[in-house]
C-alpha atoms as a PDB file:
ATOM      1  CA  MET A   1      96.481 126.861  98.201  1.00  0.00           C
ATOM      2  CA  THR A   2      99.912 127.671  99.575  1.00  0.00           C
ATOM      3  CA  ILE A   3     103.307 126.026  99.561  1.00  0.00           C
ATOM      4  CA  ARG A   4     105.982 126.188 102.218  1.00  0.00           C
ATOM      5  CA  SER A   5     109.670 125.566 101.840  1.00  0.00           C
ATOM      6  CA  SER A   6     111.532 122.790 103.593  1.00  0.00           C
ATOM      7  CA  ASP A   7     115.177 122.063 104.130  1.00  0.00           C
ATOM      8  CA  VAL A   8     114.444 118.441 105.007  1.00  0.00           C
ATOM      9  CA  GLU A   9     116.635 116.209 102.894  1.00  0.00           C
ATOM     10  CA  GLY A  10     114.604 114.188 100.404  1.00  0.00           C
ATOM     11  CA  VAL A  11     111.548 116.468 100.547  1.00  0.00           C
ATOM     12  CA  GLU A  12     110.701 118.169  97.261  1.00  0.00           C
ATOM     13  CA  GLN A  13     107.588 120.168  98.125  1.00  0.00           C
ATOM     14  CA  ILE A  14     105.041 120.754 100.902  1.00  0.00           C
ATOM     15  CA  ILE A  15     101.531 121.793  99.847  1.00  0.00           C
ATOM     16  CA  LEU A  16      99.034 123.256 102.311  1.00  0.00           C
ATOM     17  CA  PRO A  17      95.551 122.897 100.808  1.00  0.00           C
ATOM     18  CA  PRO A  18      92.968 125.384 102.024  1.00  0.00           C
ATOM     19  CA  VAL A  19      89.921 124.322 104.018  1.00  0.00           C
ATOM     20  CA  ARG A  20      86.705 125.067 102.152  1.00  0.00           C
ATOM     21  CA  ASP A  21      83.434 125.191 104.069  1.00  0.00           C
ATOM     22  CA  LEU A  22      80.717 124.020 101.690  1.00  0.00           C
ATOM     23  CA  GLY A  23      77.898 124.671 104.141  1.00  0.00           C
ATOM     24  CA  ASP A  24      76.370 122.994 107.205  1.00  0.00           C
ATOM     25  CA  GLY A  25      79.846 122.412 108.605  1.00  0.00           C
ATOM     26  CA  PHE A  26      80.928 120.181 105.702  1.00  0.00           C
ATOM     27  CA  THR A  27      84.536 120.991 104.817  1.00  0.00           C
ATOM     28  CA  VAL A  28      86.876 119.845 102.049  1.00  0.00           C
ATOM     29  CA  ARG A  29      90.663 120.054 101.697  1.00  0.00           C
ATOM     30  CA  ARG A  30      91.748 119.775  98.040  1.00  0.00           C
ATOM     31  CA  ALA A  31      95.441 118.890  97.823  1.00  0.00           C
ATOM     32  CA  LEU A  32      95.461 118.030  94.101  1.00  0.00           C
ATOM     33  CA  PRO A  33      95.416 119.518  91.571  1.00  0.00           C
ATOM     34  CA  SER A  34      97.138 122.674  92.739  1.00  0.00           C
ATOM     35  CA  ALA A  35      98.940 125.554  91.091  1.00  0.00           C
ATOM     36  CA  HIS A  36     102.143 124.076  92.486  1.00  0.00           C
ATOM     37  CA  ARG A  37     101.639 120.425  91.563  1.00  0.00           C
ATOM     38  CA  ARG A  38      99.077 118.927  89.194  1.00  0.00           C
ATOM     39  CA  MET A  39      99.789 115.221  89.662  1.00  0.00           C
ATOM     40  CA  VAL A  40     101.652 112.662  91.776  1.00  0.00           C
ATOM     41  CA  GLY A  41     102.135 109.581  89.613  1.00  0.00           C
ATOM     42  CA  PRO A  42      98.667 108.954  88.119  1.00  0.00           C
ATOM     43  CA  PHE A  43      96.893 110.815  90.983  1.00  0.00           C
ATOM     44  CA  ILE A  44      95.357 113.994  89.552  1.00  0.00           C
ATOM     45  CA  PHE A  45      92.814 114.804  92.275  1.00  0.00           C
ATOM     46  CA  PHE A  46      92.963 114.380  96.053  1.00  0.00           C
ATOM     47  CA  ASP A  47      90.197 115.530  98.386  1.00  0.00           C
ATOM     48  CA  GLN A  48      89.711 115.087 102.102  1.00  0.00           C
ATOM     49  CA  MET A  49      85.986 115.097 102.876  1.00  0.00           C
ATOM     50  CA  GLY A  50      85.119 116.185 106.412  1.00  0.00           C
ATOM     51  CA  PRO A  51      85.178 115.198 109.174  1.00  0.00           C
ATOM     52  CA  ALA A  52      81.564 116.288 109.309  1.00  0.00           C
ATOM     53  CA  ALA A  53      78.612 115.680 111.596  1.00  0.00           C
ATOM     54  CA  PHE A  54      75.075 115.774 110.179  1.00  0.00           C
ATOM     55  CA  ARG A  55      71.858 116.306 112.084  1.00  0.00           C
ATOM     56  CA  GLY A  56      68.892 114.049 111.437  1.00  0.00           C
ATOM     57  CA  GLY A  57      67.440 114.756 107.993  1.00  0.00           C
ATOM     58  CA  GLU A  58      70.765 116.106 106.679  1.00  0.00           C
ATOM     59  CA  GLY A  59      73.585 114.472 104.762  1.00  0.00           C
ATOM     60  CA  LEU A  60      75.767 114.419 101.686  1.00  0.00           C
ATOM     61  CA  ASP A  61      74.067 115.067  98.350  1.00  0.00           C
ATOM     62  CA  VAL A  62      76.357 114.996  95.331  1.00  0.00           C
ATOM     63  CA  ARG A  63      73.870 115.015  92.462  1.00  0.00           C
ATOM     64  CA  PRO A  64      74.584 113.007  89.287  1.00  0.00           C
ATOM     65  CA  HIS A  65      77.622 114.316  87.403  1.00  0.00           C
ATOM     66  CA  PRO A  66      79.833 112.888  84.641  1.00  0.00           C
ATOM     67  CA  HIS A  67      83.454 111.741  84.346  1.00  0.00           C
ATOM     68  CA  ILE A  68      85.726 110.689  81.487  1.00  0.00           C
ATOM     69  CA  GLY A  69      89.330 109.507  81.235  1.00  0.00           C
ATOM     70  CA  LEU A  70      89.868 108.670  84.905  1.00  0.00           C
ATOM     71  CA  ALA A  71      89.121 106.300  87.749  1.00  0.00           C
ATOM     72  CA  THR A  72      87.653 107.526  91.031  1.00  0.00           C
ATOM     73  CA  VAL A  73      88.650 105.873  94.297  1.00  0.00           C
ATOM     74  CA  THR A  74      86.512 106.446  97.388  1.00  0.00           C
ATOM     75  CA  TYR A  75      87.880 105.412 100.792  1.00  0.00           C
ATOM     76  CA  LEU A  76      86.160 106.268 104.068  1.00  0.00           C
ATOM     77  CA  LEU A  77      87.538 106.599 107.575  1.00  0.00           C
ATOM     78  CA  ASP A  78      84.107 107.172 109.131  1.00  0.00           C
ATOM     79  CA  GLY A  79      80.487 107.152 107.997  1.00  0.00           C
ATOM     80  CA  GLU A  80      78.794 105.782 104.900  1.00  0.00           C
ATOM     81  CA  ILE A  81      78.045 106.947 101.342  1.00  0.00           C
ATOM     82  CA  LEU A  82      75.565 105.458  98.881  1.00  0.00           C
ATOM     83  CA  HIS A  83      77.002 105.305  95.349  1.00  0.00           C
ATOM     84  CA  ARG A  84      74.802 105.047  92.240  1.00  0.00           C
ATOM     85  CA  ASP A  85      75.993 105.163  88.633  1.00  0.00           C
ATOM     86  CA  SER A  86      74.914 104.920  85.024  1.00  0.00           C
ATOM     87  CA  VAL A  87      76.098 101.312  84.621  1.00  0.00           C
ATOM     88  CA  GLY A  88      73.494 100.331  87.215  1.00  0.00           C
ATOM     89  CA  SER A  89      75.645 100.059  90.351  1.00  0.00           C
ATOM     90  CA  VAL A  90      74.032 100.769  93.722  1.00  0.00           C
ATOM     91  CA  GLN A  91      76.626 100.333  96.442  1.00  0.00           C
ATOM     92  CA  PRO A  92      77.028 101.693  99.971  1.00  0.00           C
ATOM     93  CA  ILE A  93      80.645 102.171 101.031  1.00  0.00           C
ATOM     94  CA  ARG A  94      81.819 101.941 104.631  1.00  0.00           C
ATOM     95  CA  PRO A  95      85.176 102.464 106.375  1.00  0.00           C
ATOM     96  CA  GLY A  96      87.953 100.209 105.113  1.00  0.00           C
ATOM     97  CA  GLU A  97      86.141  99.344 101.881  1.00  0.00           C
ATOM     98  CA  VAL A  98      87.132 100.567  98.422  1.00  0.00           C
ATOM     99  CA  ASN A  99      84.922 101.888  95.620  1.00  0.00           C
ATOM    100  CA  TRP A 100      86.802 101.962  92.306  1.00  0.00           C
ATOM    101  CA  MET A 101      84.871 103.503  89.418  1.00  0.00           C
ATOM    102  CA  THR A 102      86.453 103.486  85.955  1.00  0.00           C
ATOM    103  CA  ALA A 103      84.968 106.333  83.926  1.00  0.00           C
ATOM    104  CA  GLY A 104      86.755 105.535  80.665  1.00  0.00           C
ATOM    105  CA  SER A 105      84.639 106.781  77.764  1.00  0.00           C
ATOM    106  CA  GLY A 106      82.062 108.232  80.143  1.00  0.00           C
ATOM    107  CA  ILE A 107      80.084 107.489  83.291  1.00  0.00           C
ATOM    108  CA  VAL A 108      77.649 109.396  85.514  1.00  0.00           C
ATOM    109  CA  HIS A 109      77.304 108.860  89.267  1.00  0.00           C
ATOM    110  CA  SER A 110      75.828 110.296  92.430  1.00  0.00           C
ATOM    111  CA  GLU A 111      77.058 110.105  96.016  1.00  0.00           C
ATOM    112  CA  ARG A 112      74.577 110.599  98.820  1.00  0.00           C
ATOM    113  CA  THR A 113      73.885 109.841 102.439  1.00  0.00           C
ATOM    114  CA  GLY A 114      71.529 106.860 102.358  1.00  0.00           C
ATOM    115  CA  PRO A 115      68.000 107.068 103.774  1.00  0.00           C
ATOM    116  CA  GLU A 116      68.762 105.018 106.900  1.00  0.00           C
ATOM    117  CA  GLN A 117      71.740 107.190 107.850  1.00  0.00           C
ATOM    118  CA  ARG A 118      69.851 110.387 106.987  1.00  0.00           C
ATOM    119  CA  ALA A 119      67.031 109.476 109.339  1.00  0.00           C
ATOM    120  CA  ALA A 120      69.311 109.958 112.353  1.00  0.00           C
ATOM    121  CA  GLU A 121      72.472 111.819 113.215  1.00  0.00           C
ATOM    122  CA  SER A 122      75.441 110.692 111.131  1.00  0.00           C
ATOM    123  CA  SER A 123      79.077 111.498 110.423  1.00  0.00           C
ATOM    124  CA  LEU A 124      81.379 111.420 107.407  1.00  0.00           C
ATOM    125  CA  PHE A 125      85.151 111.459 107.005  1.00  0.00           C
ATOM    126  CA  GLY A 126      87.032 110.153 104.000  1.00  0.00           C
ATOM    127  CA  LEU A 127      89.173 110.614 100.934  1.00  0.00           C
ATOM    128  CA  GLN A 128      88.287 110.736  97.271  1.00  0.00           C
ATOM    129  CA  THR A 129      91.024 110.533  94.674  1.00  0.00           C
ATOM    130  CA  TRP A 130      91.025 110.495  90.899  1.00  0.00           C
ATOM    131  CA  LEU A 131      93.607 108.599  88.897  1.00  0.00           C
ATOM    132  CA  ALA A 132      94.216 109.542  85.280  1.00  0.00           C
ATOM    133  CA  LEU A 133      94.088 106.560  82.940  1.00  0.00           C
ATOM    134  CA  PRO A 134      96.850 105.562  80.508  1.00  0.00           C
ATOM    135  CA  THR A 135      96.073 106.656  76.949  1.00  0.00           C
ATOM    136  CA  HIS A 136      95.268 103.124  75.749  1.00  0.00           C
ATOM    137  CA  VAL A 137      92.411 102.790  78.278  1.00  0.00           C
ATOM    138  CA  GLU A 138      91.141 106.382  78.395  1.00  0.00           C
ATOM    139  CA  GLU A 139      88.178 105.308  76.252  1.00  0.00           C
ATOM    140  CA  ALA A 140      87.587 101.942  77.938  1.00  0.00           C
ATOM    141  CA  ALA A 141      84.030 100.905  78.745  1.00  0.00           C
ATOM    142  CA  PRO A 142      82.858 102.397  82.053  1.00  0.00           C
ATOM    143  CA  ASP A 143      82.919 100.027  85.004  1.00  0.00           C
ATOM    144  CA  PHE A 144      82.495  99.882  88.776  1.00  0.00           C
ATOM    145  CA  ALA A 145      84.053  97.591  91.374  1.00  0.00           C
ATOM    146  CA  HIS A 146      83.572  97.362  95.139  1.00  0.00           C
ATOM    147  CA  TYR A 147      86.001  95.661  97.507  1.00  0.00           C
ATOM    148  CA  LYS A 148      85.152  94.639 101.072  1.00  0.00           C
ATOM    149  CA  ALA A 149      87.498  95.603 103.894  1.00  0.00           C
ATOM    150  CA  GLN A 150      88.559  91.994 104.434  1.00  0.00           C
ATOM    151  CA  GLU A 151      89.795  91.815 100.826  1.00  0.00           C
ATOM    152  CA  ILE A 152      92.268  94.662 101.302  1.00  0.00           C
ATOM    153  CA  PRO A 153      95.726  93.536 102.534  1.00  0.00           C
ATOM    154  CA  VAL A 154      96.955  94.804 105.893  1.00  0.00           C
ATOM    155  CA  ALA A 155     100.410  94.565 107.472  1.00  0.00           C
ATOM    156  CA  GLU A 156     101.142  95.349 111.128  1.00  0.00           C
ATOM    157  CA  ALA A 157     104.503  95.592 112.866  1.00  0.00           C
ATOM    158  CA  ASP A 158     106.086  97.685 115.630  1.00  0.00           C
ATOM    159  CA  GLY A 159     103.161 100.079 116.024  1.00  0.00           C
ATOM    160  CA  THR A 160     102.609 100.591 112.302  1.00  0.00           C
ATOM    161  CA  ARG A 161      99.491  99.413 110.485  1.00  0.00           C
ATOM    162  CA  LEU A 162      99.515  99.678 106.678  1.00  0.00           C
ATOM    163  CA  THR A 163      96.352  99.078 104.645  1.00  0.00           C
ATOM    164  CA  LEU A 164      97.193  98.764 100.946  1.00  0.00           C
ATOM    165  CA  ILE A 165      94.183 100.299  99.221  1.00  0.00           C
ATOM    166  CA  ALA A 166      95.531  99.884  95.674  1.00  0.00           C
ATOM    167  CA  GLY A 167      98.759  99.086  93.862  1.00  0.00           C
ATOM    168  CA  THR A 168     101.898  97.573  95.351  1.00  0.00           C
ATOM    169  CA  SER A 169     104.099  98.345  98.354  1.00  0.00           C
ATOM    170  CA  ASP A 170     106.040  96.640 101.133  1.00  0.00           C
ATOM    171  CA  GLY A 171     105.968  93.280  99.365  1.00  0.00           C
ATOM    172  CA  MET A 172     102.167  93.320  99.053  1.00  0.00           C
ATOM    173  CA  ALA A 173      99.783  93.734  96.128  1.00  0.00           C
ATOM    174  CA  SER A 174      96.209  94.960  96.499  1.00  0.00           C
ATOM    175  CA  PRO A 175      93.486  93.013  94.643  1.00  0.00           C
ATOM    176  CA  VAL A 176      92.003  96.315  93.418  1.00  0.00           C
ATOM    177  CA  LYS A 177      92.309  96.308  89.639  1.00  0.00           C
ATOM    178  CA  THR A 178      94.475  99.192  88.437  1.00  0.00           C
ATOM    179  CA  PHE A 179      95.762 100.338  85.045  1.00  0.00           C
ATOM    180  CA  SER A 180      99.224 101.722  85.832  1.00  0.00           C
ATOM    181  CA  ASP A 181     102.048 101.576  88.368  1.00  0.00           C
ATOM    182  CA  LEU A 182     100.874 103.099  91.648  1.00  0.00           C
ATOM    183  CA  VAL A 183     100.663 102.921  95.414  1.00  0.00           C
ATOM    184  CA  TYR A 184      97.775 104.065  97.588  1.00  0.00           C
ATOM    185  CA  ALA A 185      97.944 103.165 101.270  1.00  0.00           C
ATOM    186  CA  ASP A 186      96.443 104.098 104.628  1.00  0.00           C
ATOM    187  CA  ILE A 187      99.196 104.153 107.278  1.00  0.00           C
ATOM    188  CA  GLN A 188      98.432 104.401 110.996  1.00  0.00           C
ATOM    189  CA  LEU A 189     101.339 105.070 113.341  1.00  0.00           C
ATOM    190  CA  ALA A 190     101.202 104.573 117.104  1.00  0.00           C
ATOM    191  CA  PRO A 191     103.100 107.145 119.222  1.00  0.00           C
ATOM    192  CA  GLY A 192     106.790 106.805 118.444  1.00  0.00           C
ATOM    193  CA  ALA A 193     106.276 104.381 115.550  1.00  0.00           C
ATOM    194  CA  ARG A 194     108.217 104.665 112.293  1.00  0.00           C
ATOM    195  CA  TYR A 195     107.541 103.882 108.640  1.00  0.00           C
ATOM    196  CA  GLN A 196     110.009 103.721 105.757  1.00  0.00           C
ATOM    197  CA  VAL A 197     108.585 105.223 102.565  1.00  0.00           C
ATOM    198  CA  LYS A 198     110.011 102.837  99.985  1.00  0.00           C
ATOM    199  CA  ALA A 199     111.660 104.220  96.853  1.00  0.00           C
ATOM    200  CA  GLU A 200     110.081 101.621  94.561  1.00  0.00           C
ATOM    201  CA  HIS A 201     107.745 104.199  92.968  1.00  0.00           C
ATOM    202  CA  ILE A 202     109.149 107.197  91.085  1.00  0.00           C
ATOM    203  CA  GLU A 203     106.796 109.820  92.511  1.00  0.00           C
ATOM    204  CA  ARG A 204     105.596 109.601  96.112  1.00  0.00           C
ATOM    205  CA  ALA A 205     103.801 111.776  98.610  1.00  0.00           C
ATOM    206  CA  ILE A 206     102.200 111.470 102.015  1.00  0.00           C
ATOM    207  CA  TYR A 207      99.095 113.331 103.109  1.00  0.00           C
ATOM    208  CA  VAL A 208      98.825 113.821 106.868  1.00  0.00           C
ATOM    209  CA  VAL A 209      95.233 113.037 107.848  1.00  0.00           C
ATOM    210  CA  GLU A 210      95.728 113.169 111.605  1.00  0.00           C
ATOM    211  CA  GLY A 211      98.627 114.060 113.896  1.00  0.00           C
ATOM    212  CA  SER A 212     102.062 115.052 112.682  1.00  0.00           C
ATOM    213  CA  VAL A 213     105.232 113.319 111.503  1.00  0.00           C
ATOM    214  CA  ALA A 214     108.905 114.094 111.117  1.00  0.00           C
ATOM    215  CA  VAL A 215     111.634 112.606 108.952  1.00  0.00           C
ATOM    216  CA  VAL A 216     114.017 110.657 111.140  1.00  0.00           C
ATOM    217  CA  GLY A 217     117.329 112.482 111.516  1.00  0.00           C
ATOM    218  CA  GLN A 218     115.903 115.788 110.259  1.00  0.00           C
ATOM    219  CA  THR A 219     114.406 118.827 111.985  1.00  0.00           C
ATOM    220  CA  GLY A 220     110.876 120.097 111.400  1.00  0.00           C
ATOM    221  CA  THR A 221     107.490 118.374 111.335  1.00  0.00           C
ATOM    222  CA  PHE A 222     104.678 117.905 108.827  1.00  0.00           C
ATOM    223  CA  ALA A 223     101.255 118.747 110.238  1.00  0.00           C
ATOM    224  CA  THR A 224      97.682 117.630 109.706  1.00  0.00           C
ATOM    225  CA  GLY A 225      96.402 118.599 106.266  1.00  0.00           C
ATOM    226  CA  GLU A 226      99.781 118.871 104.554  1.00  0.00           C
ATOM    227  CA  LEU A 227     100.750 117.029 101.366  1.00  0.00           C
ATOM    228  CA  VAL A 228     104.467 116.230 101.467  1.00  0.00           C
ATOM    229  CA  LEU A 229     106.151 115.268  98.176  1.00  0.00           C
ATOM    230  CA  PHE A 230     109.415 113.367  98.194  1.00  0.00           C
ATOM    231  CA  LYS A 231     112.269 113.463  95.721  1.00  0.00           C
ATOM    232  CA  PRO A 232     112.572 110.434  93.411  1.00  0.00           C
ATOM    233  CA  GLY A 233     114.771 107.750  94.915  1.00  0.00           C
ATOM    234  CA  ALA A 234     115.060 109.397  98.337  1.00  0.00           C
ATOM    235  CA  GLU A 235     115.111 106.991 101.267  1.00  0.00           C
ATOM    236  CA  ILE A 236     112.636 108.406 103.778  1.00  0.00           C
ATOM    237  CA  ILE A 237     111.744 107.193 107.266  1.00  0.00           C
ATOM    238  CA  VAL A 238     108.944 109.083 109.010  1.00  0.00           C
ATOM    239  CA  GLN A 239     108.172 108.964 112.715  1.00  0.00           C
ATOM    240  CA  ALA A 240     105.093 110.087 114.646  1.00  0.00           C
ATOM    241  CA  PRO A 241     106.015 111.230 118.172  1.00  0.00           C
ATOM    242  CA  GLN A 242     102.366 111.447 119.231  1.00  0.00           C
ATOM    243  CA  GLY A 243     100.835 109.073 116.652  1.00  0.00           C
ATOM    244  CA  ALA A 244      99.532 109.894 113.192  1.00  0.00           C
ATOM    245  CA  ARG A 245      97.517 108.714 110.219  1.00  0.00           C
ATOM    246  CA  LEU A 246      98.877 109.156 106.701  1.00  0.00           C
ATOM    247  CA  MET A 247      97.787 108.447 103.161  1.00  0.00           C
ATOM    248  CA  LEU A 248     100.624 107.372 100.872  1.00  0.00           C
ATOM    249  CA  ILE A 249     100.145 108.023  97.151  1.00  0.00           C
ATOM    250  CA  GLY A 250     102.428 107.709  94.166  1.00  0.00           C
ATOM    251  CA  GLY A 251     103.432 105.877  91.035  1.00  0.00           C
ATOM    252  CA  GLU A 252     105.056 106.303  87.671  1.00  0.00           C
ATOM    253  CA  PRO A 253     104.254 109.602  85.924  1.00  0.00           C
ATOM    254  CA  PHE A 254     102.689 109.503  82.466  1.00  0.00           C
ATOM    255  CA  PRO A 255     104.744 110.654  79.473  1.00  0.00           C
ATOM    256  CA  GLU A 256     101.823 112.708  78.141  1.00  0.00           C
ATOM    257  CA  ARG A 257     100.237 115.778  79.695  1.00  0.00           C
ATOM    258  CA  ARG A 258      96.776 115.450  81.185  1.00  0.00           C
ATOM    259  CA  TYR A 259      94.141 118.165  80.799  1.00  0.00           C
ATOM    260  CA  ILE A 260      91.430 118.630  83.406  1.00  0.00           C
ATOM    261  CA  PHE A 261      88.177 120.585  83.283  1.00  0.00           C
ATOM    262  CA  TRP A 262      85.605 120.079  86.033  1.00  0.00           C
ATOM    263  CA  ASN A 263      85.203 116.265  86.228  1.00  0.00           C
ATOM    264  CA  PHE A 264      86.781 115.520  82.860  1.00  0.00           C
ATOM    265  CA  VAL A 265      90.371 114.323  82.400  1.00  0.00           C
ATOM    266  CA  SER A 266      92.025 113.510  79.081  1.00  0.00           C
ATOM    267  CA  SER A 267      95.299 113.555  77.193  1.00  0.00           C
ATOM    268  CA  ARG A 268      93.436 115.412  74.417  1.00  0.00           C
ATOM    269  CA  GLU A 269      91.880 118.850  74.823  1.00  0.00           C
ATOM    270  CA  GLU A 270      89.382 118.185  72.036  1.00  0.00           C
ATOM    271  CA  ARG A 271      88.081 115.138  73.947  1.00  0.00           C
ATOM    272  CA  ILE A 272      87.243 117.334  76.912  1.00  0.00           C
ATOM    273  CA  GLU A 273      85.421 119.767  74.630  1.00  0.00           C
ATOM    274  CA  GLN A 274      83.380 116.847  73.278  1.00  0.00           C
ATOM    275  CA  ALA A 275      82.535 115.712  76.811  1.00  0.00           C
ATOM    276  CA  LYS A 276      81.399 119.219  77.730  1.00  0.00           C
ATOM    277  CA  ALA A 277      79.113 119.313  74.685  1.00  0.00           C
ATOM    278  CA  ASP A 278      77.775 115.831  75.445  1.00  0.00           C
ATOM    279  CA  TRP A 279      76.927 116.739  79.038  1.00  0.00           C
ATOM    280  CA  LYS A 280      75.226 119.970  77.988  1.00  0.00           C
ATOM    281  CA  ALA A 281      73.115 117.983  75.527  1.00  0.00           C
ATOM    282  CA  GLN A 282      72.519 115.221  78.111  1.00  0.00           C
ATOM    283  CA  ARG A 283      73.975 112.535  75.838  1.00  0.00           C
ATOM    284  CA  PHE A 284      75.563 110.677  78.766  1.00  0.00           C
ATOM    285  CA  ALA A 285      73.674 107.633  80.056  1.00  0.00           C
ATOM    286  CA  PRO A 286      71.594 108.592  83.110  1.00  0.00           C
ATOM    287  CA  VAL A 287      71.765 107.201  86.640  1.00  0.00           C
ATOM    288  CA  PRO A 288      68.676 105.013  87.244  1.00  0.00           C
ATOM    289  CA  ASP A 289      66.255 106.368  89.867  1.00  0.00           C
ATOM    290  CA  GLU A 290      67.881 109.825  89.832  1.00  0.00           C
ATOM    291  CA  ASP A 291      66.084 112.855  88.396  1.00  0.00           C
ATOM    292  CA  GLU A 292      68.652 115.548  89.248  1.00  0.00           C
ATOM    293  CA  PHE A 293      72.000 116.498  87.765  1.00  0.00           C
ATOM    294  CA  ILE A 294      74.776 119.069  88.170  1.00  0.00           C
ATOM    295  CA  PRO A 295      74.902 121.437  85.167  1.00  0.00           C
ATOM    296  CA  LEU A 296      78.181 122.072  83.374  1.00  0.00           C
ATOM    297  CA  PRO A 297      79.834 125.003  85.205  1.00  0.00           C
ATOM    298  CA  GLU A 298      81.085 128.105  83.448  1.00  0.00           C
ATOM    299  CA  THR A 299      84.329 127.928  85.458  1.00  0.00           C
ATOM    300  CA  PRO A 300      86.469 124.781  85.472  1.00  0.00           C
ATOM    301  CA  ALA A 301      86.380 124.049  89.220  1.00  0.00           C
ATOM    302  CA  PRO A 302      86.019 120.318  90.035  1.00  0.00           C
ATOM    303  CA  VAL A 303      82.655 119.181  91.366  1.00  0.00           C
ATOM    304  CA  ARG A 304      81.349 120.581  94.622  1.00  0.00           C
ATOM    305  CA  TYR A 305      79.836 118.155  97.076  1.00  0.00           C
ATOM    306  CA  PRO A 306      76.445 119.422  98.339  1.00  0.00           C
END
């Protein structure tokens, strides 16, 4: 994880997450958390999965693992993942759809390539984010919700297409149930198109998925794979000379610190220690029809995919 300086007005930080090859050509870019920035609003984890191509018989296999104190949001640009969890959900997710899983007091889930996709060649490209929960819902009952692509609001104008995955922005509100002030959007820019990053949320950042963008009136560009954080209140207009795809994240920061170990997030260190002990003792509810699990790691790296 590196950081590069910028003299672009309104830009606070630029993070360049490393590319990690997890085997069989499956790569991950982890933009959050980093040594330079732990959170953006409630977002405490941001991973780009792929793009990856699987041969017949291969695929994604994230064995059952636990979470507490957060909500996971899975959003795909290509491919399909089969989600299973300990509250009994079995749900494939496809591009444009949203899987929102509230861990709360504790949930276990797996993410795999389904049998139909595994039988032939398949591909996968997407984002997984974790959002820390406000303290009053950190111990809420675990839950899972799936939203079809046609439920997610979309606005198009002048070569810009904005899909509002969750939260509020540009006069729209996503139906995805959230627990704090936030914005999470997929923004596609045609060559030459512009987008104004509104200042309605205190903390904001864009992640460049494809292409590159520049801030109008400023020199320098932001390239594929970079997380660009903006200063609070700054009026920003980005432009994509050759076209680009961005993910916009942000929201109001929490007043309390959040601790993170592996897949556990909490405002209390002792709660994470309890979760570690519970997972070691297998006191979490299991995922039906799964007989594998990921053991608690000795080092606190977040979950690996295969």
